[in-house]
Structure formats: structure tokens, C-alpha cells
Amino acid sequence: MVAHARRDHPNEACGLLVGPAGADRPERFVPMLNAASSDTFYEFDADEWRQVYQATDAADEEIVVVFHSHTATEAYPSRTDIGIADNYALFLPSPHYALVSTRDPETHELRSYRIVAGEVTEEPVEVVESYLFAHTGADDVPDVS
């Protein structure tokens, strides 16, 4: 996500994280085109969105996270972002909204939120290399019996 956000800067980047249906666990990042080509908001390309939505459904996956970047502000949902989230509520069960701020060229800020009926609630972010080791630490190895 961060690399995608840096690559699209100064425009906002956007994408989706998908995972197994019902697991609420993102496993795969799908970078998307910001059809708005804007540095202040994002808009998924309708055809690309439809293709990803149909492909995830066919693979028994679901959209777990809606991602986009902010290029000049902190990683906190804007009023526009909240309105977009309200629209997604019609067809996405309860997605997380991840934001990456690329306003600082040396560092990035990654935060995640739930947005329900206009109410924004921040949630913790845990970046893992693999879900195999997500709860044991990246330097652990599986026990062999």
C-alpha cells in the first residue's frame, strides 16, 4: 500500500485488500486506478471495481479493507471519505478503511478506521509478513513435531 501511495503521489492512491469470505482478514492487496486523478480525493474506476468485486465473489473472497492515501494531510478520514464510506455500506458488509499519508517524503503514516453511519472509530493496525506468524512474532518458526 505504501509503495502504491508513493508511486501515485502527488495524486491520491486507492486500492482494496481482500481475504477469505467471512474471515475479516486481509490477505491480498489489489491496487486500483484513481479515476479522479486527484490530489484531494479518490474514485474507483467503475469497470475495474466491478471486475474486482466479481472476481473476489467467484473466489469466495470478500473486500475487507478499502484503502486510499492522503497527500497533504494526516491519515484521517475527511468529510468526503466519510460520505464515500456511507455509500459503500450499501454493498460492503463492514469494511475497514486504511489510510496512508504521504505528506512527508521521508516517512508515512498508516492508520485504520471503521466508519459506520458517519461515525469514525480508529482501530489498531498490525502489519504482518504472513498470517502463519501473526500472533507469535516474525522471528518465530513453526513447531515441528
N, C-alpha and C. Protein backbone atom coordinates (compact mmCIF):
# COMPACT_ATOMS: atom_id res chain seq x y z
N MET A 1 0.82 -1.19 0.00
CA MET A 1 0.00 0.00 0.00
C MET A 1 0.87 1.25 0.00
N VAL A 2 1.89 1.23 0.84
CA VAL A 2 2.74 2.41 0.94
C VAL A 2 3.46 2.67 -0.39
N ALA A 3 3.98 1.63 -1.00
CA ALA A 3 4.67 1.79 -2.29
C ALA A 3 3.71 2.32 -3.35
N HIS A 4 2.49 1.81 -3.36
CA HIS A 4 1.48 2.28 -4.31
C HIS A 4 1.16 3.76 -4.05
N ALA A 5 1.03 4.14 -2.78
CA ALA A 5 0.74 5.53 -2.43
C ALA A 5 1.89 6.44 -2.85
N ARG A 6 3.12 5.99 -2.62
CA ARG A 6 4.29 6.80 -3.03
C ARG A 6 4.36 6.92 -4.56
N ARG A 7 4.08 5.84 -5.24
CA ARG A 7 4.14 5.85 -6.71
C ARG A 7 3.11 6.81 -7.31
N ASP A 8 1.91 6.87 -6.73
CA ASP A 8 0.85 7.72 -7.28
C ASP A 8 0.93 9.17 -6.81
N HIS A 9 1.72 9.44 -5.75
CA HIS A 9 1.88 10.80 -5.24
C HIS A 9 2.35 11.71 -6.37
N PRO A 10 1.82 12.87 -6.63
CA PRO A 10 1.02 13.68 -5.72
C PRO A 10 -0.49 13.40 -5.77
N ASN A 11 -0.96 12.48 -6.61
CA ASN A 11 -2.37 12.11 -6.58
C ASN A 11 -2.62 11.10 -5.48
N GLU A 12 -3.85 11.06 -4.99
CA GLU A 12 -4.21 10.04 -4.02
C GLU A 12 -4.22 8.69 -4.72
N ALA A 13 -3.74 7.69 -4.02
CA ALA A 13 -3.78 6.31 -4.50
C ALA A 13 -4.97 5.62 -3.84
N CYS A 14 -5.40 4.52 -4.43
CA CYS A 14 -6.50 3.77 -3.83
C CYS A 14 -6.37 2.29 -4.18
N GLY A 15 -7.03 1.47 -3.41
CA GLY A 15 -6.99 0.04 -3.65
C GLY A 15 -7.84 -0.70 -2.63
N LEU A 16 -7.76 -2.00 -2.69
CA LEU A 16 -8.55 -2.86 -1.82
C LEU A 16 -7.67 -3.96 -1.25
N LEU A 17 -7.99 -4.41 -0.07
CA LEU A 17 -7.39 -5.62 0.48
C LEU A 17 -8.52 -6.63 0.60
N VAL A 18 -8.29 -7.81 0.05
CA VAL A 18 -9.31 -8.85 0.05
C VAL A 18 -8.80 -10.05 0.84
N GLY A 19 -9.75 -10.84 1.30
CA GLY A 19 -9.41 -12.03 2.06
C GLY A 19 -10.54 -13.04 1.99
N PRO A 20 -10.37 -14.17 2.65
CA PRO A 20 -11.40 -15.21 2.62
C PRO A 20 -12.73 -14.68 3.14
N ALA A 21 -13.80 -15.06 2.47
CA ALA A 21 -15.13 -14.63 2.88
C ALA A 21 -15.40 -15.01 4.33
N GLY A 22 -15.87 -14.04 5.10
CA GLY A 22 -16.23 -14.27 6.49
C GLY A 22 -15.10 -14.25 7.48
N ALA A 23 -13.85 -14.11 7.03
CA ALA A 23 -12.70 -14.17 7.94
C ALA A 23 -12.29 -12.81 8.50
N ASP A 24 -12.72 -11.71 7.87
CA ASP A 24 -12.30 -10.37 8.28
C ASP A 24 -10.78 -10.28 8.37
N ARG A 25 -10.11 -10.92 7.39
CA ARG A 25 -8.65 -10.98 7.40
C ARG A 25 -8.12 -10.64 6.00
N PRO A 26 -7.51 -9.47 5.83
CA PRO A 26 -6.96 -9.12 4.53
C PRO A 26 -5.73 -9.95 4.20
N GLU A 27 -5.71 -10.52 3.02
CA GLU A 27 -4.56 -11.36 2.63
C GLU A 27 -3.93 -10.94 1.32
N ARG A 28 -4.64 -10.12 0.55
CA ARG A 28 -4.12 -9.77 -0.77
C ARG A 28 -4.46 -8.32 -1.09
N PHE A 29 -3.45 -7.57 -1.52
CA PHE A 29 -3.64 -6.17 -1.89
C PHE A 29 -3.94 -6.07 -3.38
N VAL A 30 -4.96 -5.31 -3.71
CA VAL A 30 -5.33 -5.07 -5.11
C VAL A 30 -5.23 -3.56 -5.36
N PRO A 31 -4.12 -3.11 -5.97
CA PRO A 31 -4.01 -1.69 -6.28
C PRO A 31 -5.03 -1.33 -7.36
N MET A 32 -5.62 -0.17 -7.23
CA MET A 32 -6.64 0.27 -8.17
C MET A 32 -6.24 1.62 -8.76
N LEU A 33 -6.89 1.97 -9.84
CA LEU A 33 -6.70 3.25 -10.50
C LEU A 33 -7.58 4.30 -9.82
N ASN A 34 -7.00 5.44 -9.50
CA ASN A 34 -7.81 6.56 -9.03
C ASN A 34 -8.35 7.26 -10.27
N ALA A 35 -9.59 6.97 -10.61
CA ALA A 35 -10.20 7.51 -11.83
C ALA A 35 -10.31 9.03 -11.79
N ALA A 36 -10.29 9.60 -10.60
CA ALA A 36 -10.38 11.06 -10.46
C ALA A 36 -9.04 11.74 -10.75
N SER A 37 -7.95 10.99 -10.69
CA SER A 37 -6.61 11.58 -10.88
C SER A 37 -6.48 12.88 -10.09
N SER A 38 -6.79 12.81 -8.80
CA SER A 38 -6.85 13.99 -7.97
C SER A 38 -5.90 13.88 -6.78
N ASP A 39 -5.43 15.02 -6.31
CA ASP A 39 -4.61 15.03 -5.10
C ASP A 39 -5.44 15.30 -3.86
N THR A 40 -6.78 15.41 -4.00
CA THR A 40 -7.63 15.69 -2.86
C THR A 40 -8.73 14.66 -2.63
N PHE A 41 -8.96 13.76 -3.57
CA PHE A 41 -9.93 12.69 -3.34
C PHE A 41 -9.68 11.53 -4.30
N TYR A 42 -10.29 10.40 -4.01
CA TYR A 42 -10.13 9.23 -4.86
C TYR A 42 -11.50 8.76 -5.34
N GLU A 43 -11.46 8.08 -6.47
CA GLU A 43 -12.67 7.49 -7.03
C GLU A 43 -12.25 6.22 -7.78
N PHE A 44 -12.83 5.09 -7.39
CA PHE A 44 -12.53 3.86 -8.10
C PHE A 44 -13.12 3.91 -9.50
N ASP A 45 -12.38 3.38 -10.47
CA ASP A 45 -12.90 3.22 -11.81
C ASP A 45 -14.03 2.19 -11.76
N ALA A 46 -15.20 2.52 -12.28
CA ALA A 46 -16.38 1.66 -12.15
C ALA A 46 -16.16 0.27 -12.76
N ASP A 47 -15.54 0.21 -13.93
CA ASP A 47 -15.31 -1.09 -14.57
C ASP A 47 -14.31 -1.93 -13.78
N GLU A 48 -13.24 -1.29 -13.31
CA GLU A 48 -12.24 -2.01 -12.52
C GLU A 48 -12.85 -2.51 -11.21
N TRP A 49 -13.66 -1.67 -10.57
CA TRP A 49 -14.34 -2.05 -9.33
C TRP A 49 -15.22 -3.27 -9.57
N ARG A 50 -16.02 -3.23 -10.61
CA ARG A 50 -16.92 -4.34 -10.93
C ARG A 50 -16.14 -5.63 -11.17
N GLN A 51 -15.03 -5.55 -11.89
CA GLN A 51 -14.21 -6.73 -12.16
C GLN A 51 -13.64 -7.31 -10.87
N VAL A 52 -13.12 -6.47 -10.00
CA VAL A 52 -12.55 -6.95 -8.74
C VAL A 52 -13.65 -7.53 -7.86
N TYR A 53 -14.78 -6.86 -7.79
CA TYR A 53 -15.90 -7.33 -6.97
C TYR A 53 -16.37 -8.71 -7.44
N GLN A 54 -16.52 -8.88 -8.74
CA GLN A 54 -16.96 -10.17 -9.30
C GLN A 54 -15.89 -11.25 -9.09
N ALA A 55 -14.62 -10.91 -9.27
CA ALA A 55 -13.54 -11.89 -9.10
C ALA A 55 -13.43 -12.35 -7.65
N THR A 56 -13.57 -11.44 -6.71
CA THR A 56 -13.48 -11.84 -5.31
C THR A 56 -14.67 -12.72 -4.94
N ASP A 57 -15.83 -12.39 -5.44
CA ASP A 57 -17.02 -13.20 -5.17
C ASP A 57 -16.85 -14.61 -5.73
N ALA A 58 -16.33 -14.71 -6.95
CA ALA A 58 -16.13 -16.01 -7.59
C ALA A 58 -15.08 -16.85 -6.87
N ALA A 59 -14.12 -16.20 -6.21
CA ALA A 59 -13.05 -16.90 -5.50
C ALA A 59 -13.39 -17.12 -4.02
N ASP A 60 -14.64 -16.87 -3.65
CA ASP A 60 -15.09 -16.98 -2.26
C ASP A 60 -14.25 -16.08 -1.34
N GLU A 61 -13.99 -14.88 -1.84
CA GLU A 61 -13.27 -13.86 -1.08
C GLU A 61 -14.21 -12.67 -0.90
N GLU A 62 -13.79 -11.74 -0.06
CA GLU A 62 -14.55 -10.50 0.09
C GLU A 62 -13.59 -9.34 0.29
N ILE A 63 -14.10 -8.16 0.04
CA ILE A 63 -13.33 -6.94 0.27
C ILE A 63 -13.34 -6.67 1.77
N VAL A 64 -12.15 -6.64 2.35
CA VAL A 64 -12.01 -6.46 3.79
C VAL A 64 -11.61 -5.02 4.12
N VAL A 65 -10.77 -4.43 3.28
CA VAL A 65 -10.25 -3.09 3.54
C VAL A 65 -10.35 -2.25 2.28
N VAL A 66 -10.84 -1.03 2.45
CA VAL A 66 -10.80 -0.02 1.39
C VAL A 66 -9.65 0.90 1.76
N PHE A 67 -8.73 1.08 0.83
CA PHE A 67 -7.50 1.84 1.09
C PHE A 67 -7.44 3.07 0.19
N HIS A 68 -6.94 4.16 0.74
CA HIS A 68 -6.52 5.28 -0.10
C HIS A 68 -5.49 6.11 0.67
N SER A 69 -4.88 7.03 -0.04
CA SER A 69 -3.85 7.86 0.58
C SER A 69 -4.29 9.31 0.66
N HIS A 70 -3.66 10.01 1.57
CA HIS A 70 -3.78 11.46 1.64
C HIS A 70 -2.40 12.03 1.35
N THR A 71 -2.35 13.00 0.47
CA THR A 71 -1.05 13.50 0.02
C THR A 71 -0.56 14.73 0.77
N ALA A 72 -1.46 15.45 1.43
CA ALA A 72 -1.05 16.68 2.10
C ALA A 72 -1.57 16.79 3.52
N THR A 73 -2.32 15.79 3.97
CA THR A 73 -2.90 15.84 5.31
C THR A 73 -2.63 14.54 6.04
N GLU A 74 -2.99 14.52 7.32
CA GLU A 74 -2.81 13.31 8.12
C GLU A 74 -3.69 12.18 7.60
N ALA A 75 -3.41 10.98 8.06
CA ALA A 75 -4.17 9.80 7.67
C ALA A 75 -5.43 9.70 8.53
N TYR A 76 -6.36 10.61 8.28
CA TYR A 76 -7.64 10.63 9.00
C TYR A 76 -8.73 10.91 7.97
N PRO A 77 -9.86 10.21 8.06
CA PRO A 77 -10.91 10.37 7.04
C PRO A 77 -11.45 11.80 6.96
N SER A 78 -11.53 12.30 5.75
CA SER A 78 -12.13 13.61 5.50
C SER A 78 -13.66 13.46 5.45
N ARG A 79 -14.35 14.56 5.36
CA ARG A 79 -15.81 14.51 5.20
C ARG A 79 -16.19 13.76 3.93
N THR A 80 -15.41 13.98 2.88
CA THR A 80 -15.66 13.27 1.62
C THR A 80 -15.47 11.77 1.83
N ASP A 81 -14.41 11.37 2.52
CA ASP A 81 -14.16 9.95 2.80
C ASP A 81 -15.32 9.33 3.57
N ILE A 82 -15.85 10.06 4.53
CA ILE A 82 -16.96 9.56 5.34
C ILE A 82 -18.20 9.37 4.47
N GLY A 83 -18.45 10.30 3.56
CA GLY A 83 -19.57 10.17 2.63
C GLY A 83 -19.42 8.98 1.71
N ILE A 84 -18.20 8.75 1.24
CA ILE A 84 -17.93 7.59 0.38
C ILE A 84 -18.17 6.30 1.16
N ALA A 85 -17.71 6.27 2.41
CA ALA A 85 -17.91 5.09 3.25
C ALA A 85 -19.40 4.80 3.44
N ASP A 86 -20.19 5.83 3.61
CA ASP A 86 -21.64 5.64 3.75
C ASP A 86 -22.23 5.01 2.49
N ASN A 87 -21.72 5.39 1.33
CA ASN A 87 -22.18 4.79 0.07
C ASN A 87 -21.77 3.32 -0.03
N TYR A 88 -20.55 2.99 0.41
CA TYR A 88 -20.09 1.60 0.36
C TYR A 88 -20.88 0.69 1.29
N ALA A 89 -21.47 1.27 2.33
CA ALA A 89 -22.23 0.47 3.30
C ALA A 89 -23.38 -0.27 2.64
N LEU A 90 -23.79 0.16 1.47
CA LEU A 90 -24.89 -0.50 0.76
C LEU A 90 -24.51 -1.88 0.26
N PHE A 91 -23.21 -2.10 -0.03
CA PHE A 91 -22.82 -3.39 -0.61
C PHE A 91 -21.58 -4.02 -0.01
N LEU A 92 -20.93 -3.37 0.93
CA LEU A 92 -19.81 -3.97 1.65
C LEU A 92 -20.25 -4.17 3.09
N PRO A 93 -20.08 -5.37 3.63
CA PRO A 93 -20.63 -5.67 4.96
C PRO A 93 -20.13 -4.75 6.07
N SER A 94 -18.85 -4.66 6.29
CA SER A 94 -18.31 -3.82 7.36
C SER A 94 -16.82 -3.64 7.14
N PRO A 95 -16.46 -2.93 6.09
CA PRO A 95 -15.03 -2.84 5.76
C PRO A 95 -14.25 -1.96 6.73
N HIS A 96 -12.97 -2.21 6.75
CA HIS A 96 -12.03 -1.33 7.43
C HIS A 96 -11.62 -0.30 6.38
N TYR A 97 -11.23 0.87 6.82
CA TYR A 97 -10.76 1.91 5.92
C TYR A 97 -9.34 2.27 6.32
N ALA A 98 -8.38 1.90 5.49
CA ALA A 98 -6.97 2.18 5.77
C ALA A 98 -6.55 3.42 5.00
N LEU A 99 -5.84 4.29 5.68
CA LEU A 99 -5.32 5.50 5.06
C LEU A 99 -3.82 5.58 5.27
N VAL A 100 -3.13 5.98 4.23
CA VAL A 100 -1.69 6.22 4.30
C VAL A 100 -1.47 7.68 3.94
N SER A 101 -0.77 8.41 4.79
CA SER A 101 -0.42 9.78 4.47
C SER A 101 0.98 9.80 3.89
N THR A 102 1.11 10.44 2.73
CA THR A 102 2.42 10.60 2.08
C THR A 102 2.86 12.05 2.10
N ARG A 103 2.31 12.84 3.03
CA ARG A 103 2.66 14.26 3.08
C ARG A 103 4.12 14.49 3.40
N ASP A 104 4.74 13.58 4.14
CA ASP A 104 6.16 13.67 4.46
C ASP A 104 6.91 12.73 3.51
N PRO A 105 7.83 13.25 2.72
CA PRO A 105 8.53 12.40 1.75
C PRO A 105 9.45 11.35 2.38
N GLU A 106 9.78 11.52 3.66
CA GLU A 106 10.70 10.59 4.32
C GLU A 106 9.98 9.48 5.10
N THR A 107 8.79 9.77 5.59
CA THR A 107 8.06 8.79 6.39
C THR A 107 6.62 8.71 5.91
N HIS A 108 5.92 7.71 6.39
CA HIS A 108 4.50 7.61 6.07
C HIS A 108 3.73 7.35 7.37
N GLU A 109 2.46 7.61 7.32
CA GLU A 109 1.58 7.37 8.45
C GLU A 109 0.49 6.43 7.95
N LEU A 110 0.32 5.29 8.63
CA LEU A 110 -0.70 4.29 8.28
C LEU A 110 -1.67 4.16 9.45
N ARG A 111 -2.95 4.40 9.18
CA ARG A 111 -3.98 4.27 10.23
C ARG A 111 -5.20 3.58 9.62
N SER A 112 -6.01 2.98 10.49
CA SER A 112 -7.20 2.26 10.04
C SER A 112 -8.41 2.68 10.87
N TYR A 113 -9.58 2.64 10.22
CA TYR A 113 -10.81 3.10 10.85
C TYR A 113 -11.98 2.20 10.45
N ARG A 114 -12.99 2.25 11.28
CA ARG A 114 -14.33 1.78 10.92
C ARG A 114 -15.15 3.06 10.78
N ILE A 115 -15.96 3.12 9.75
CA ILE A 115 -16.82 4.27 9.53
C ILE A 115 -18.24 3.73 9.36
N VAL A 116 -19.07 3.98 10.36
CA VAL A 116 -20.44 3.47 10.36
C VAL A 116 -21.40 4.62 10.60
N ALA A 117 -22.29 4.83 9.65
CA ALA A 117 -23.30 5.89 9.76
C ALA A 117 -22.66 7.23 10.10
N GLY A 118 -21.54 7.53 9.45
CA GLY A 118 -20.87 8.80 9.65
C GLY A 118 -19.97 8.89 10.87
N GLU A 119 -19.96 7.85 11.70
CA GLU A 119 -19.11 7.86 12.89
C GLU A 119 -17.79 7.16 12.61
N VAL A 120 -16.70 7.84 12.92
CA VAL A 120 -15.35 7.34 12.67
C VAL A 120 -14.76 6.80 13.96
N THR A 121 -14.29 5.56 13.91
CA THR A 121 -13.64 4.94 15.07
C THR A 121 -12.30 4.38 14.61
N GLU A 122 -11.22 4.88 15.22
CA GLU A 122 -9.90 4.36 14.86
C GLU A 122 -9.71 2.98 15.47
N GLU A 123 -8.98 2.15 14.77
CA GLU A 123 -8.68 0.80 15.24
C GLU A 123 -7.19 0.54 15.09
N PRO A 124 -6.64 -0.37 15.89
CA PRO A 124 -5.20 -0.64 15.78
C PRO A 124 -4.85 -1.30 14.45
N VAL A 125 -3.63 -1.08 14.02
CA VAL A 125 -3.10 -1.69 12.80
C VAL A 125 -1.96 -2.60 13.19
N GLU A 126 -2.00 -3.82 12.71
CA GLU A 126 -0.89 -4.75 12.90
C GLU A 126 -0.46 -5.22 11.51
N VAL A 127 0.75 -4.86 11.13
CA VAL A 127 1.28 -5.27 9.84
C VAL A 127 2.03 -6.57 10.05
N VAL A 128 1.65 -7.60 9.31
CA VAL A 128 2.29 -8.90 9.45
C VAL A 128 2.83 -9.36 8.10
N GLU A 129 3.92 -10.08 8.14
CA GLU A 129 4.52 -10.64 6.93
C GLU A 129 3.64 -11.77 6.41
N SER A 130 3.14 -12.57 7.33
CA SER A 130 2.33 -13.73 6.99
C SER A 130 1.42 -14.03 8.16
N TYR A 131 0.23 -14.49 7.89
CA TYR A 131 -0.67 -14.85 8.99
C TYR A 131 -0.21 -16.09 9.73
N LEU A 132 0.70 -16.84 9.14
CA LEU A 132 1.25 -18.01 9.82
C LEU A 132 1.90 -17.61 11.14
N PHE A 133 2.57 -16.44 11.14
CA PHE A 133 3.29 -15.98 12.32
C PHE A 133 2.68 -14.73 12.94
N ALA A 134 1.48 -14.39 12.58
CA ALA A 134 0.88 -13.12 13.00
C ALA A 134 0.79 -12.96 14.51
N HIS A 135 0.61 -14.04 15.24
CA HIS A 135 0.41 -13.91 16.68
C HIS A 135 1.61 -14.42 17.49
N THR A 136 2.66 -14.83 16.82
CA THR A 136 3.81 -15.37 17.54
C THR A 136 5.06 -14.53 17.37
N GLY A 137 5.08 -13.64 16.42
CA GLY A 137 6.27 -12.84 16.16
C GLY A 137 6.95 -13.31 14.90
N ALA A 138 7.47 -12.36 14.13
CA ALA A 138 8.04 -12.66 12.82
C ALA A 138 9.27 -13.55 12.89
N ASP A 139 9.98 -13.55 14.04
CA ASP A 139 11.20 -14.33 14.13
C ASP A 139 10.94 -15.76 14.61
N ASP A 140 9.71 -16.09 14.91
CA ASP A 140 9.39 -17.45 15.35
C ASP A 140 9.33 -18.39 14.17
N VAL A 141 9.51 -19.64 14.44
CA VAL A 141 9.38 -20.66 13.41
C VAL A 141 8.34 -21.66 13.91
N PRO A 142 7.62 -22.31 13.00
CA PRO A 142 6.62 -23.27 13.45
C PRO A 142 7.25 -24.43 14.21
N ASP A 143 6.52 -24.91 15.21
CA ASP A 143 6.97 -26.09 15.93
C ASP A 143 6.85 -27.32 15.04
N VAL A 144 7.86 -28.13 15.05
CA VAL A 144 7.84 -29.37 14.26
C VAL A 144 7.77 -30.53 15.22
N SER A 145 6.75 -31.33 15.07
CA SER A 145 6.57 -32.48 15.97
C SER A 145 7.04 -33.75 15.33
